[in-house]
Amino acid sequence: MKRKQKIYQNEKIVMFPGTVERLLQQGHAHAEKFEYQEAIQCFQDILQYEEMDEHTLHVYAYCLHETRQFEQAREVVESLLAQGPSQYIETMELYLSICMELRDFQHVQQIVRSLLEENVVPNSSIERFTSIYNLSEKLLKLSHSEQSIEEEVTEVVLSLDVFLHLPVYEQLHRLQSLSEMNVRPLIDEIRTIIETEEVHPIVRSVALCLLVEQEVNGDLTIRKFEQTLTVNPMTLPTPDELPVTQSVKKIVNERLEKESSTLEMVQYVLTRHILVTYPFEWFGASAEKVSEGYIHYVHSLLGQEISDESETDNKVMELIQQLEKFSDIPEV
């Protein structure tokens, strides 16, 4: 693989103490909140001062990928791979994903073939790399045909056998890229993703939101956390418009009116958790109990004194902790 020009600046400039640490903290915080453009700006500012560590470079490349700055992302990852990163397989998967976006299918095949022949890929990842190879082969054939390949490519990628082998962040990216398209020709593939329990809950929610936003008519049966619900996207509210969710946000805003930092954190956690459970809403818990639970949860995270702890519903607290685990997207 040809090494690109080094992405760091060699000239050191005078900085205020703590500048890089502050930018690093802000960059990672933005990335965790999916504020990719803001994260990119922080990382680019860091590069004016010094080189970044391996993990930060990986996050920087991922943010570039998510904002569809694929050429820049490729350059960053190629530089990272040239250094021999400790997380080599994860970095290589990101690189292959970028190359797929750039439709460099032949290059993807060459790399995967070489990795498999050299026994570099661990046994746990062989199936995933084989799927990437097979997908690139299919897309390469499609790209050589006279057909308009956009829908063909999307249909192949969304087919469940291929989709399940993509990293979660890549599954989300594929679905989010459909937001400006007419998804009706892909309803069967999207329906299967929504109704398959093996797919990450947030991914299924994003797929469902696609159908809701485009008012697609037809019943779907969704099972999450051992609960089952049949819904019709045409009449289903968006996550923010669900009735219990609106009540919870109102209560939280009123009770934390004088605690701005706590309120901001509660709102952030709520947004993530709503997407995990959608179209369910805390599985029957009242808005009052849910609000108490989230305020209690965030107070405990901040090390603040908790009043009226006995009033907090233990089942709600267990659910919040469970949702927190599922709201953490791998590879971010």
C-alpha atoms as a PDB file:
ATOM      1  CA  MET A   1       0.000   0.000   0.000  1.00  0.00           C
ATOM      2  CA  LYS A   2       1.464   3.339  -0.999  1.00  0.00           C
ATOM      3  CA  ARG A   3       2.104   5.594   1.944  1.00  0.00           C
ATOM      4  CA  LYS A   4       0.606   9.050   1.703  1.00  0.00           C
ATOM      5  CA  GLN A   5       2.394  12.230   2.669  1.00  0.00           C
ATOM      6  CA  LYS A   6       2.710  12.557   6.446  1.00  0.00           C
ATOM      7  CA  ILE A   7      -0.334  14.336   7.802  1.00  0.00           C
ATOM      8  CA  TYR A   8       1.401  16.094  10.715  1.00  0.00           C
ATOM      9  CA  GLN A   9       3.029  19.476  10.653  1.00  0.00           C
ATOM     10  CA  ASN A  10       6.701  19.358  11.565  1.00  0.00           C
ATOM     11  CA  GLU A  11       6.994  22.923  12.812  1.00  0.00           C
ATOM     12  CA  LYS A  12       6.174  23.367  16.467  1.00  0.00           C
ATOM     13  CA  ILE A  13       4.483  26.564  17.547  1.00  0.00           C
ATOM     14  CA  VAL A  14       4.140  28.185  20.959  1.00  0.00           C
ATOM     15  CA  MET A  15       0.955  27.191  22.784  1.00  0.00           C
ATOM     16  CA  PHE A  16      -0.715  27.978  26.083  1.00  0.00           C
ATOM     17  CA  PRO A  17      -0.381  25.236  28.718  1.00  0.00           C
ATOM     18  CA  GLY A  18      -3.213  22.713  28.488  1.00  0.00           C
ATOM     19  CA  THR A  19      -4.299  23.739  24.981  1.00  0.00           C
ATOM     20  CA  VAL A  20      -3.814  20.310  23.419  1.00  0.00           C
ATOM     21  CA  GLU A  21      -5.381  18.500  26.394  1.00  0.00           C
ATOM     22  CA  ARG A  22      -8.429  20.756  26.178  1.00  0.00           C
ATOM     23  CA  LEU A  23      -8.787  20.229  22.433  1.00  0.00           C
ATOM     24  CA  LEU A  24      -8.402  16.463  22.860  1.00  0.00           C
ATOM     25  CA  GLN A  25     -11.117  16.372  25.494  1.00  0.00           C
ATOM     26  CA  GLN A  26     -13.446  18.521  23.411  1.00  0.00           C
ATOM     27  CA  GLY A  27     -12.787  16.527  20.237  1.00  0.00           C
ATOM     28  CA  HIS A  28     -13.592  13.193  21.849  1.00  0.00           C
ATOM     29  CA  ALA A  29     -16.654  14.649  23.588  1.00  0.00           C
ATOM     30  CA  HIS A  30     -17.996  15.956  20.268  1.00  0.00           C
ATOM     31  CA  ALA A  31     -17.375  12.570  18.607  1.00  0.00           C
ATOM     32  CA  GLU A  32     -19.264  10.732  21.358  1.00  0.00           C
ATOM     33  CA  LYS A  33     -22.228  13.075  20.782  1.00  0.00           C
ATOM     34  CA  PHE A  34     -22.061  12.453  17.009  1.00  0.00           C
ATOM     35  CA  GLU A  35     -21.017  16.103  16.482  1.00  0.00           C
ATOM     36  CA  TYR A  36     -18.487  15.032  13.898  1.00  0.00           C
ATOM     37  CA  GLN A  37     -17.751  18.372  12.224  1.00  0.00           C
ATOM     38  CA  GLU A  38     -16.994  19.998  15.575  1.00  0.00           C
ATOM     39  CA  ALA A  39     -14.770  17.055  16.508  1.00  0.00           C
ATOM     40  CA  ILE A  40     -12.893  17.349  13.210  1.00  0.00           C
ATOM     41  CA  GLN A  41     -12.167  21.025  13.871  1.00  0.00           C
ATOM     42  CA  CYS A  42     -10.708  20.179  17.291  1.00  0.00           C
ATOM     43  CA  PHE A  43      -8.488  17.441  15.856  1.00  0.00           C
ATOM     44  CA  GLN A  44      -7.307  19.663  13.028  1.00  0.00           C
ATOM     45  CA  ASP A  45      -6.424  22.353  15.561  1.00  0.00           C
ATOM     46  CA  ILE A  46      -4.384  19.794  17.507  1.00  0.00           C
ATOM     47  CA  LEU A  47      -2.385  18.963  14.383  1.00  0.00           C
ATOM     48  CA  GLN A  48      -1.140  22.555  14.344  1.00  0.00           C
ATOM     49  CA  TYR A  49       0.633  21.837  17.635  1.00  0.00           C
ATOM     50  CA  GLU A  50       1.711  18.195  17.675  1.00  0.00           C
ATOM     51  CA  GLU A  51       1.064  14.659  16.507  1.00  0.00           C
ATOM     52  CA  MET A  52      -1.974  12.822  17.817  1.00  0.00           C
ATOM     53  CA  ASP A  53      -2.016   9.442  19.519  1.00  0.00           C
ATOM     54  CA  GLU A  54      -3.236   6.325  17.737  1.00  0.00           C
ATOM     55  CA  HIS A  55      -6.717   6.254  19.270  1.00  0.00           C
ATOM     56  CA  THR A  56      -7.364   9.922  18.511  1.00  0.00           C
ATOM     57  CA  LEU A  57      -6.227   9.458  14.904  1.00  0.00           C
ATOM     58  CA  HIS A  58      -8.677   6.580  14.572  1.00  0.00           C
ATOM     59  CA  VAL A  59     -11.531   8.734  15.930  1.00  0.00           C
ATOM     60  CA  TYR A  60     -10.478  11.591  13.636  1.00  0.00           C
ATOM     61  CA  ALA A  61     -10.581   9.273  10.612  1.00  0.00           C
ATOM     62  CA  TYR A  62     -13.982   7.933  11.682  1.00  0.00           C
ATOM     63  CA  CYS A  63     -15.381  11.485  11.964  1.00  0.00           C
ATOM     64  CA  LEU A  64     -14.097  12.274   8.473  1.00  0.00           C
ATOM     65  CA  HIS A  65     -15.756   9.062   7.258  1.00  0.00           C
ATOM     66  CA  GLU A  66     -19.073  10.009   8.845  1.00  0.00           C
ATOM     67  CA  THR A  67     -19.003  13.448   7.223  1.00  0.00           C
ATOM     68  CA  ARG A  68     -18.240  11.788   3.885  1.00  0.00           C
ATOM     69  CA  GLN A  69     -14.771  13.331   3.603  1.00  0.00           C
ATOM     70  CA  PHE A  70     -13.512  10.004   2.340  1.00  0.00           C
ATOM     71  CA  GLU A  71     -10.328  11.131   0.612  1.00  0.00           C
ATOM     72  CA  GLN A  72      -9.085  12.831   3.774  1.00  0.00           C
ATOM     73  CA  ALA A  73     -10.180   9.882   5.889  1.00  0.00           C
ATOM     74  CA  ARG A  74      -8.272   7.533   3.620  1.00  0.00           C
ATOM     75  CA  GLU A  75      -5.119   9.621   3.951  1.00  0.00           C
ATOM     76  CA  VAL A  76      -5.340   9.629   7.745  1.00  0.00           C
ATOM     77  CA  VAL A  77      -5.914   5.869   7.969  1.00  0.00           C
ATOM     78  CA  GLU A  78      -3.142   5.076   5.506  1.00  0.00           C
ATOM     79  CA  SER A  79      -0.752   7.136   7.617  1.00  0.00           C
ATOM     80  CA  LEU A  80      -1.988   5.307  10.724  1.00  0.00           C
ATOM     81  CA  LEU A  81      -1.588   1.879   9.112  1.00  0.00           C
ATOM     82  CA  ALA A  82       1.947   2.779   8.043  1.00  0.00           C
ATOM     83  CA  GLN A  83       2.788   3.222  11.743  1.00  0.00           C
ATOM     84  CA  GLY A  84       1.607  -0.296  12.602  1.00  0.00           C
ATOM     85  CA  PRO A  85      -1.279   0.498  14.980  1.00  0.00           C
ATOM     86  CA  SER A  86      -1.965  -1.785  17.948  1.00  0.00           C
ATOM     87  CA  GLN A  87      -5.610  -2.050  16.849  1.00  0.00           C
ATOM     88  CA  TYR A  88      -4.577  -3.147  13.374  1.00  0.00           C
ATOM     89  CA  ILE A  89      -7.671  -5.165  12.432  1.00  0.00           C
ATOM     90  CA  GLU A  90     -10.107  -2.467  13.586  1.00  0.00           C
ATOM     91  CA  THR A  91      -8.112   0.167  11.703  1.00  0.00           C
ATOM     92  CA  MET A  92      -8.029  -2.013   8.597  1.00  0.00           C
ATOM     93  CA  GLU A  93     -11.809  -2.486   8.733  1.00  0.00           C
ATOM     94  CA  LEU A  94     -12.265   1.296   8.776  1.00  0.00           C
ATOM     95  CA  TYR A  95      -9.860   1.615   5.862  1.00  0.00           C
ATOM     96  CA  LEU A  96     -11.731  -0.993   3.834  1.00  0.00           C
ATOM     97  CA  SER A  97     -15.024   0.765   4.582  1.00  0.00           C
ATOM     98  CA  ILE A  98     -13.575   4.043   3.278  1.00  0.00           C
ATOM     99  CA  CYS A  99     -12.277   2.336   0.139  1.00  0.00           C
ATOM    100  CA  MET A 100     -15.736   0.837  -0.426  1.00  0.00           C
ATOM    101  CA  GLU A 101     -17.260   4.311  -0.219  1.00  0.00           C
ATOM    102  CA  LEU A 102     -14.716   5.509  -2.779  1.00  0.00           C
ATOM    103  CA  ARG A 103     -15.751   2.524  -4.955  1.00  0.00           C
ATOM    104  CA  ASP A 104     -12.193   1.232  -5.002  1.00  0.00           C
ATOM    105  CA  PHE A 105     -13.523  -2.315  -4.973  1.00  0.00           C
ATOM    106  CA  GLN A 106     -10.543  -3.871  -6.704  1.00  0.00           C
ATOM    107  CA  HIS A 107      -8.171  -2.412  -4.116  1.00  0.00           C
ATOM    108  CA  VAL A 108     -10.377  -3.825  -1.331  1.00  0.00           C
ATOM    109  CA  GLN A 109     -10.218  -7.282  -2.897  1.00  0.00           C
ATOM    110  CA  GLN A 110      -6.437  -7.115  -3.210  1.00  0.00           C
ATOM    111  CA  ILE A 111      -5.984  -6.122   0.440  1.00  0.00           C
ATOM    112  CA  VAL A 112      -8.389  -8.692   1.856  1.00  0.00           C
ATOM    113  CA  ARG A 113      -6.939 -11.449  -0.310  1.00  0.00           C
ATOM    114  CA  SER A 114      -3.430 -10.561   0.870  1.00  0.00           C
ATOM    115  CA  LEU A 115      -4.450 -10.434   4.543  1.00  0.00           C
ATOM    116  CA  LEU A 116      -6.170 -13.816   4.370  1.00  0.00           C
ATOM    117  CA  GLU A 117      -3.306 -15.454   2.485  1.00  0.00           C
ATOM    118  CA  GLU A 118      -0.790 -14.143   5.028  1.00  0.00           C
ATOM    119  CA  ASN A 119      -2.945 -15.368   7.959  1.00  0.00           C
ATOM    120  CA  VAL A 120      -2.987 -11.870   9.453  1.00  0.00           C
ATOM    121  CA  VAL A 121      -6.728 -11.916  10.186  1.00  0.00           C
ATOM    122  CA  PRO A 122      -7.657 -13.571  13.523  1.00  0.00           C
ATOM    123  CA  ASN A 123     -10.159 -16.414  13.408  1.00  0.00           C
ATOM    124  CA  SER A 124     -12.860 -14.257  15.008  1.00  0.00           C
ATOM    125  CA  SER A 125     -12.669 -11.799  12.076  1.00  0.00           C
ATOM    126  CA  ILE A 126     -12.208 -14.157   9.122  1.00  0.00           C
ATOM    127  CA  GLU A 127     -15.939 -14.383   8.385  1.00  0.00           C
ATOM    128  CA  ARG A 128     -16.288 -10.592   8.423  1.00  0.00           C
ATOM    129  CA  PHE A 129     -13.324 -10.049   6.088  1.00  0.00           C
ATOM    130  CA  THR A 130     -14.602 -12.783   3.779  1.00  0.00           C
ATOM    131  CA  SER A 131     -17.976 -11.016   3.636  1.00  0.00           C
ATOM    132  CA  ILE A 132     -16.233  -7.734   2.773  1.00  0.00           C
ATOM    133  CA  TYR A 133     -14.361  -9.501  -0.016  1.00  0.00           C
ATOM    134  CA  ASN A 134     -17.539 -11.083  -1.394  1.00  0.00           C
ATOM    135  CA  LEU A 135     -19.396  -7.771  -1.209  1.00  0.00           C
ATOM    136  CA  SER A 136     -16.628  -5.907  -3.038  1.00  0.00           C
ATOM    137  CA  GLU A 137     -16.655  -8.599  -5.693  1.00  0.00           C
ATOM    138  CA  LYS A 138     -20.402  -8.186  -6.227  1.00  0.00           C
ATOM    139  CA  LEU A 139     -20.152  -4.406  -6.343  1.00  0.00           C
ATOM    140  CA  LEU A 140     -17.232  -4.541  -8.756  1.00  0.00           C
ATOM    141  CA  LYS A 141     -19.333  -6.607 -11.141  1.00  0.00           C
ATOM    142  CA  LEU A 142     -22.230  -4.203 -10.796  1.00  0.00           C
ATOM    143  CA  SER A 143     -20.003  -1.204 -11.447  1.00  0.00           C
ATOM    144  CA  HIS A 144     -18.906  -2.749 -14.723  1.00  0.00           C
ATOM    145  CA  SER A 145     -22.459  -3.186 -15.924  1.00  0.00           C
ATOM    146  CA  GLU A 146     -24.458  -0.622 -17.895  1.00  0.00           C
ATOM    147  CA  GLN A 147     -27.145  -0.391 -15.176  1.00  0.00           C
ATOM    148  CA  SER A 148     -27.579   2.506 -12.835  1.00  0.00           C
ATOM    149  CA  ILE A 149     -25.943   0.891  -9.846  1.00  0.00           C
ATOM    150  CA  GLU A 150     -27.045   3.074  -6.916  1.00  0.00           C
ATOM    151  CA  GLU A 151     -30.163   1.106  -6.001  1.00  0.00           C
ATOM    152  CA  GLU A 152     -28.510  -2.200  -6.897  1.00  0.00           C
ATOM    153  CA  VAL A 153     -25.583  -1.475  -4.591  1.00  0.00           C
ATOM    154  CA  THR A 154     -27.856  -0.368  -1.758  1.00  0.00           C
ATOM    155  CA  GLU A 155     -30.044  -3.451  -2.101  1.00  0.00           C
ATOM    156  CA  VAL A 156     -27.017  -5.733  -1.878  1.00  0.00           C
ATOM    157  CA  VAL A 157     -25.635  -3.914   1.179  1.00  0.00           C
ATOM    158  CA  LEU A 158     -29.007  -3.952   2.984  1.00  0.00           C
ATOM    159  CA  SER A 159     -29.598  -7.661   2.398  1.00  0.00           C
ATOM    160  CA  LEU A 160     -29.508  -9.201   5.875  1.00  0.00           C
ATOM    161  CA  ASP A 161     -26.688 -11.689   5.245  1.00  0.00           C
ATOM    162  CA  VAL A 162     -24.386  -8.827   4.179  1.00  0.00           C
ATOM    163  CA  PHE A 163     -25.740  -6.181   6.572  1.00  0.00           C
ATOM    164  CA  LEU A 164     -25.196  -8.256   9.723  1.00  0.00           C
ATOM    165  CA  HIS A 165     -21.495  -8.586   8.964  1.00  0.00           C
ATOM    166  CA  LEU A 166     -20.935  -4.831   8.777  1.00  0.00           C
ATOM    167  CA  PRO A 167     -19.731  -2.993  11.930  1.00  0.00           C
ATOM    168  CA  VAL A 168     -22.557  -1.227  13.762  1.00  0.00           C
ATOM    169  CA  TYR A 169     -21.261   2.229  12.850  1.00  0.00           C
ATOM    170  CA  GLU A 170     -21.224   1.183   9.180  1.00  0.00           C
ATOM    171  CA  GLN A 171     -24.794  -0.154   9.422  1.00  0.00           C
ATOM    172  CA  LEU A 172     -25.888   3.225  10.782  1.00  0.00           C
ATOM    173  CA  HIS A 173     -24.023   5.079   8.054  1.00  0.00           C
ATOM    174  CA  ARG A 174     -25.650   2.984   5.338  1.00  0.00           C
ATOM    175  CA  LEU A 175     -29.123   3.689   6.691  1.00  0.00           C
ATOM    176  CA  GLN A 176     -28.497   7.395   7.271  1.00  0.00           C
ATOM    177  CA  SER A 177     -27.302   7.755   3.688  1.00  0.00           C
ATOM    178  CA  LEU A 178     -30.825   6.785   2.554  1.00  0.00           C
ATOM    179  CA  SER A 179     -32.506   9.762   4.236  1.00  0.00           C
ATOM    180  CA  GLU A 180     -32.632  11.765   0.985  1.00  0.00           C
ATOM    181  CA  MET A 181     -33.690   8.801  -1.159  1.00  0.00           C
ATOM    182  CA  ASN A 182     -37.066   7.246  -1.856  1.00  0.00           C
ATOM    183  CA  VAL A 183     -36.796   4.103   0.273  1.00  0.00           C
ATOM    184  CA  ARG A 184     -39.933   2.391  -1.047  1.00  0.00           C
ATOM    185  CA  PRO A 185     -37.999   0.172  -3.499  1.00  0.00           C
ATOM    186  CA  LEU A 186     -36.001  -1.043  -0.466  1.00  0.00           C
ATOM    187  CA  ILE A 187     -38.910  -1.625   1.925  1.00  0.00           C
ATOM    188  CA  ASP A 188     -38.445  -5.405   2.099  1.00  0.00           C
ATOM    189  CA  GLU A 189     -34.774  -5.073   3.091  1.00  0.00           C
ATOM    190  CA  ILE A 190     -35.476  -2.314   5.635  1.00  0.00           C
ATOM    191  CA  ARG A 191     -38.428  -4.234   7.098  1.00  0.00           C
ATOM    192  CA  THR A 192     -36.227  -7.281   7.630  1.00  0.00           C
ATOM    193  CA  ILE A 193     -33.608  -5.165   9.424  1.00  0.00           C
ATOM    194  CA  ILE A 194     -36.272  -3.629  11.704  1.00  0.00           C
ATOM    195  CA  GLU A 195     -37.818  -6.970  12.606  1.00  0.00           C
ATOM    196  CA  THR A 196     -34.546  -8.898  13.173  1.00  0.00           C
ATOM    197  CA  GLU A 197     -33.616  -9.021  16.862  1.00  0.00           C
ATOM    198  CA  GLU A 198     -29.948  -9.766  16.116  1.00  0.00           C
ATOM    199  CA  VAL A 199     -29.575  -6.226  14.706  1.00  0.00           C
ATOM    200  CA  HIS A 200     -28.502  -3.580  17.262  1.00  0.00           C
ATOM    201  CA  PRO A 201     -31.573  -1.800  18.767  1.00  0.00           C
ATOM    202  CA  ILE A 202     -30.399   1.662  17.685  1.00  0.00           C
ATOM    203  CA  VAL A 203     -29.823   0.467  14.124  1.00  0.00           C
ATOM    204  CA  ARG A 204     -33.351  -0.941  14.026  1.00  0.00           C
ATOM    205  CA  SER A 205     -34.717   2.357  15.352  1.00  0.00           C
ATOM    206  CA  VAL A 206     -32.896   4.377  12.691  1.00  0.00           C
ATOM    207  CA  ALA A 207     -34.291   2.034  10.025  1.00  0.00           C
ATOM    208  CA  LEU A 208     -37.788   2.488  11.447  1.00  0.00           C
ATOM    209  CA  CYS A 209     -37.365   6.286  11.462  1.00  0.00           C
ATOM    210  CA  LEU A 210     -36.659   6.131   7.723  1.00  0.00           C
ATOM    211  CA  LEU A 211     -40.065   4.565   7.114  1.00  0.00           C
ATOM    212  CA  VAL A 212     -41.790   6.926   9.551  1.00  0.00           C
ATOM    213  CA  GLU A 213     -40.313  10.041   7.923  1.00  0.00           C
ATOM    214  CA  GLN A 214     -41.424   8.870   4.472  1.00  0.00           C
ATOM    215  CA  GLU A 215     -44.857   7.739   5.780  1.00  0.00           C
ATOM    216  CA  VAL A 216     -44.542   4.211   4.476  1.00  0.00           C
ATOM    217  CA  ASN A 217     -47.782   2.285   5.003  1.00  0.00           C
ATOM    218  CA  GLY A 218     -47.796  -1.273   6.358  1.00  0.00           C
ATOM    219  CA  ASP A 219     -47.670  -3.095   9.689  1.00  0.00           C
ATOM    220  CA  LEU A 220     -44.371  -4.068  11.318  1.00  0.00           C
ATOM    221  CA  THR A 221     -43.946  -6.356  14.316  1.00  0.00           C
ATOM    222  CA  ILE A 222     -41.068  -5.277  16.539  1.00  0.00           C
ATOM    223  CA  ARG A 223     -39.641  -7.122  19.522  1.00  0.00           C
ATOM    224  CA  LYS A 224     -37.222  -5.393  21.893  1.00  0.00           C
ATOM    225  CA  PHE A 225     -36.218  -6.316  25.434  1.00  0.00           C
ATOM    226  CA  GLU A 226     -38.730  -9.191  25.484  1.00  0.00           C
ATOM    227  CA  GLN A 227     -41.632  -6.904  24.542  1.00  0.00           C
ATOM    228  CA  THR A 228     -43.551  -7.082  21.247  1.00  0.00           C
ATOM    229  CA  LEU A 229     -45.418  -4.307  19.429  1.00  0.00           C
ATOM    230  CA  THR A 230     -47.079  -4.001  16.009  1.00  0.00           C
ATOM    231  CA  VAL A 231     -46.878  -0.546  14.454  1.00  0.00           C
ATOM    232  CA  ASN A 232     -47.583   1.213  11.166  1.00  0.00           C
ATOM    233  CA  PRO A 233     -44.888   3.748  10.174  1.00  0.00           C
ATOM    234  CA  MET A 234     -47.503   5.909   8.455  1.00  0.00           C
ATOM    235  CA  THR A 235     -49.196   6.688  11.781  1.00  0.00           C
ATOM    236  CA  LEU A 236     -46.277   6.246  14.173  1.00  0.00           C
ATOM    237  CA  PRO A 237     -44.870   9.413  15.818  1.00  0.00           C
ATOM    238  CA  THR A 238     -41.164  10.133  15.587  1.00  0.00           C
ATOM    239  CA  PRO A 239     -39.107   9.380  18.760  1.00  0.00           C
ATOM    240  CA  ASP A 240     -39.348  12.976  20.040  1.00  0.00           C
ATOM    241  CA  GLU A 241     -43.103  13.069  19.440  1.00  0.00           C
ATOM    242  CA  LEU A 242     -43.997   9.991  21.515  1.00  0.00           C
ATOM    243  CA  PRO A 243     -46.415  11.007  24.313  1.00  0.00           C
ATOM    244  CA  VAL A 244     -44.529   9.644  27.344  1.00  0.00           C
ATOM    245  CA  THR A 245     -41.270  11.052  25.975  1.00  0.00           C
ATOM    246  CA  GLN A 246     -42.778  14.532  25.707  1.00  0.00           C
ATOM    247  CA  SER A 247     -44.103  14.298  29.278  1.00  0.00           C
ATOM    248  CA  VAL A 248     -40.741  13.107  30.599  1.00  0.00           C
ATOM    249  CA  LYS A 249     -38.898  15.985  28.920  1.00  0.00           C
ATOM    250  CA  LYS A 250     -41.395  18.506  30.305  1.00  0.00           C
ATOM    251  CA  ILE A 251     -41.046  17.191  33.862  1.00  0.00           C
ATOM    252  CA  VAL A 252     -37.254  17.087  33.653  1.00  0.00           C
ATOM    253  CA  ASN A 253     -37.083  20.644  32.272  1.00  0.00           C
ATOM    254  CA  GLU A 254     -39.260  21.923  35.119  1.00  0.00           C
ATOM    255  CA  ARG A 255     -37.419  20.123  37.923  1.00  0.00           C
ATOM    256  CA  LEU A 256     -33.931  20.931  36.704  1.00  0.00           C
ATOM    257  CA  GLU A 257     -34.613  24.510  35.690  1.00  0.00           C
ATOM    258  CA  LYS A 258     -31.943  25.740  38.142  1.00  0.00           C
ATOM    259  CA  GLU A 259     -29.471  22.915  37.432  1.00  0.00           C
ATOM    260  CA  SER A 260     -28.387  23.653  33.883  1.00  0.00           C
ATOM    261  CA  SER A 261     -25.460  21.211  33.748  1.00  0.00           C
ATOM    262  CA  THR A 262     -27.549  18.363  35.160  1.00  0.00           C
ATOM    263  CA  LEU A 263     -30.412  19.201  32.793  1.00  0.00           C
ATOM    264  CA  GLU A 264     -28.090  19.131  29.783  1.00  0.00           C
ATOM    265  CA  MET A 265     -26.736  15.726  30.759  1.00  0.00           C
ATOM    266  CA  VAL A 266     -30.198  14.275  31.439  1.00  0.00           C
ATOM    267  CA  GLN A 267     -31.387  15.504  28.031  1.00  0.00           C
ATOM    268  CA  TYR A 268     -28.342  13.904  26.378  1.00  0.00           C
ATOM    269  CA  VAL A 269     -28.923  10.536  28.073  1.00  0.00           C
ATOM    270  CA  LEU A 270     -32.649  10.657  27.304  1.00  0.00           C
ATOM    271  CA  THR A 271     -32.012  11.271  23.601  1.00  0.00           C
ATOM    272  CA  ARG A 272     -29.739   8.229  23.383  1.00  0.00           C
ATOM    273  CA  HIS A 273     -32.054   5.937  25.347  1.00  0.00           C
ATOM    274  CA  ILE A 274     -35.197   6.929  23.442  1.00  0.00           C
ATOM    275  CA  LEU A 275     -33.506   5.773  20.251  1.00  0.00           C
ATOM    276  CA  VAL A 276     -32.597   2.426  21.829  1.00  0.00           C
ATOM    277  CA  THR A 277     -36.185   1.573  22.812  1.00  0.00           C
ATOM    278  CA  TYR A 278     -38.133   3.191  19.944  1.00  0.00           C
ATOM    279  CA  PRO A 279     -41.028   2.650  19.255  1.00  0.00           C
ATOM    280  CA  PHE A 280     -41.445   1.523  22.881  1.00  0.00           C
ATOM    281  CA  GLU A 281     -41.377   4.043  25.730  1.00  0.00           C
ATOM    282  CA  TRP A 282     -39.786   2.618  28.862  1.00  0.00           C
ATOM    283  CA  PHE A 283     -42.117  -0.381  28.646  1.00  0.00           C
ATOM    284  CA  GLY A 284     -45.067   0.910  30.630  1.00  0.00           C
ATOM    285  CA  ALA A 285     -43.277   3.006  33.272  1.00  0.00           C
ATOM    286  CA  SER A 286     -44.989   6.327  34.019  1.00  0.00           C
ATOM    287  CA  ALA A 287     -43.487   9.634  32.942  1.00  0.00           C
ATOM    288  CA  GLU A 288     -43.155  10.600  36.623  1.00  0.00           C
ATOM    289  CA  LYS A 289     -41.159   7.463  37.532  1.00  0.00           C
ATOM    290  CA  VAL A 290     -39.001   7.732  34.414  1.00  0.00           C
ATOM    291  CA  SER A 291     -38.179  11.387  35.136  1.00  0.00           C
ATOM    292  CA  GLU A 292     -37.243  10.594  38.746  1.00  0.00           C
ATOM    293  CA  GLY A 293     -35.080   7.720  37.522  1.00  0.00           C
ATOM    294  CA  TYR A 294     -33.062   9.798  35.062  1.00  0.00           C
ATOM    295  CA  ILE A 295     -32.546  12.664  37.487  1.00  0.00           C
ATOM    296  CA  HIS A 296     -31.405  10.174  40.135  1.00  0.00           C
ATOM    297  CA  TYR A 297     -29.123   8.448  37.622  1.00  0.00           C
ATOM    298  CA  VAL A 298     -27.398  11.644  36.467  1.00  0.00           C
ATOM    299  CA  HIS A 299     -27.070  12.958  40.025  1.00  0.00           C
ATOM    300  CA  SER A 300     -25.266   9.729  40.930  1.00  0.00           C
ATOM    301  CA  LEU A 301     -22.959  10.080  37.912  1.00  0.00           C
ATOM    302  CA  LEU A 302     -22.067  13.608  38.985  1.00  0.00           C
ATOM    303  CA  GLY A 303     -21.443  12.515  42.581  1.00  0.00           C
ATOM    304  CA  GLN A 304     -24.213  14.739  43.876  1.00  0.00           C
ATOM    305  CA  GLU A 305     -26.234  14.103  46.986  1.00  0.00           C
ATOM    306  CA  ILE A 306     -29.427  12.251  46.186  1.00  0.00           C
ATOM    307  CA  SER A 307     -32.631  13.135  48.030  1.00  0.00           C
ATOM    308  CA  ASP A 308     -35.708  10.919  48.344  1.00  0.00           C
ATOM    309  CA  GLU A 309     -33.785   7.897  47.062  1.00  0.00           C
ATOM    310  CA  SER A 310     -36.501   5.601  48.384  1.00  0.00           C
ATOM    311  CA  GLU A 311     -38.953   7.073  45.862  1.00  0.00           C
ATOM    312  CA  THR A 312     -36.855   5.982  42.902  1.00  0.00           C
ATOM    313  CA  ASP A 313     -38.294   2.964  41.089  1.00  0.00           C
ATOM    314  CA  ASN A 314     -35.707   0.155  41.126  1.00  0.00           C
ATOM    315  CA  LYS A 315     -37.066  -1.350  37.902  1.00  0.00           C
ATOM    316  CA  VAL A 316     -36.692   1.993  36.137  1.00  0.00           C
ATOM    317  CA  MET A 317     -33.108   2.295  37.391  1.00  0.00           C
ATOM    318  CA  GLU A 318     -32.267  -1.204  36.152  1.00  0.00           C
ATOM    319  CA  LEU A 319     -33.777  -0.335  32.769  1.00  0.00           C
ATOM    320  CA  ILE A 320     -31.786   2.918  32.553  1.00  0.00           C
ATOM    321  CA  GLN A 321     -28.537   1.066  33.252  1.00  0.00           C
ATOM    322  CA  GLN A 322     -29.417  -1.551  30.637  1.00  0.00           C
ATOM    323  CA  LEU A 323     -30.233   1.116  28.037  1.00  0.00           C
ATOM    324  CA  GLU A 324     -26.974   2.905  28.776  1.00  0.00           C
ATOM    325  CA  LYS A 325     -25.057  -0.194  27.703  1.00  0.00           C
ATOM    326  CA  PHE A 326     -26.985  -0.457  24.433  1.00  0.00           C
ATOM    327  CA  SER A 327     -26.666   3.269  23.658  1.00  0.00           C
ATOM    328  CA  ASP A 328     -22.877   3.016  23.436  1.00  0.00           C
ATOM    329  CA  ILE A 329     -22.131   2.510  19.725  1.00  0.00           C
ATOM    330  CA  PRO A 330     -18.957   0.482  19.060  1.00  0.00           C
ATOM    331  CA  GLU A 331     -16.121   2.022  17.022  1.00  0.00           C
ATOM    332  CA  VAL A 332     -16.975   5.631  17.823  1.00  0.00           C
END
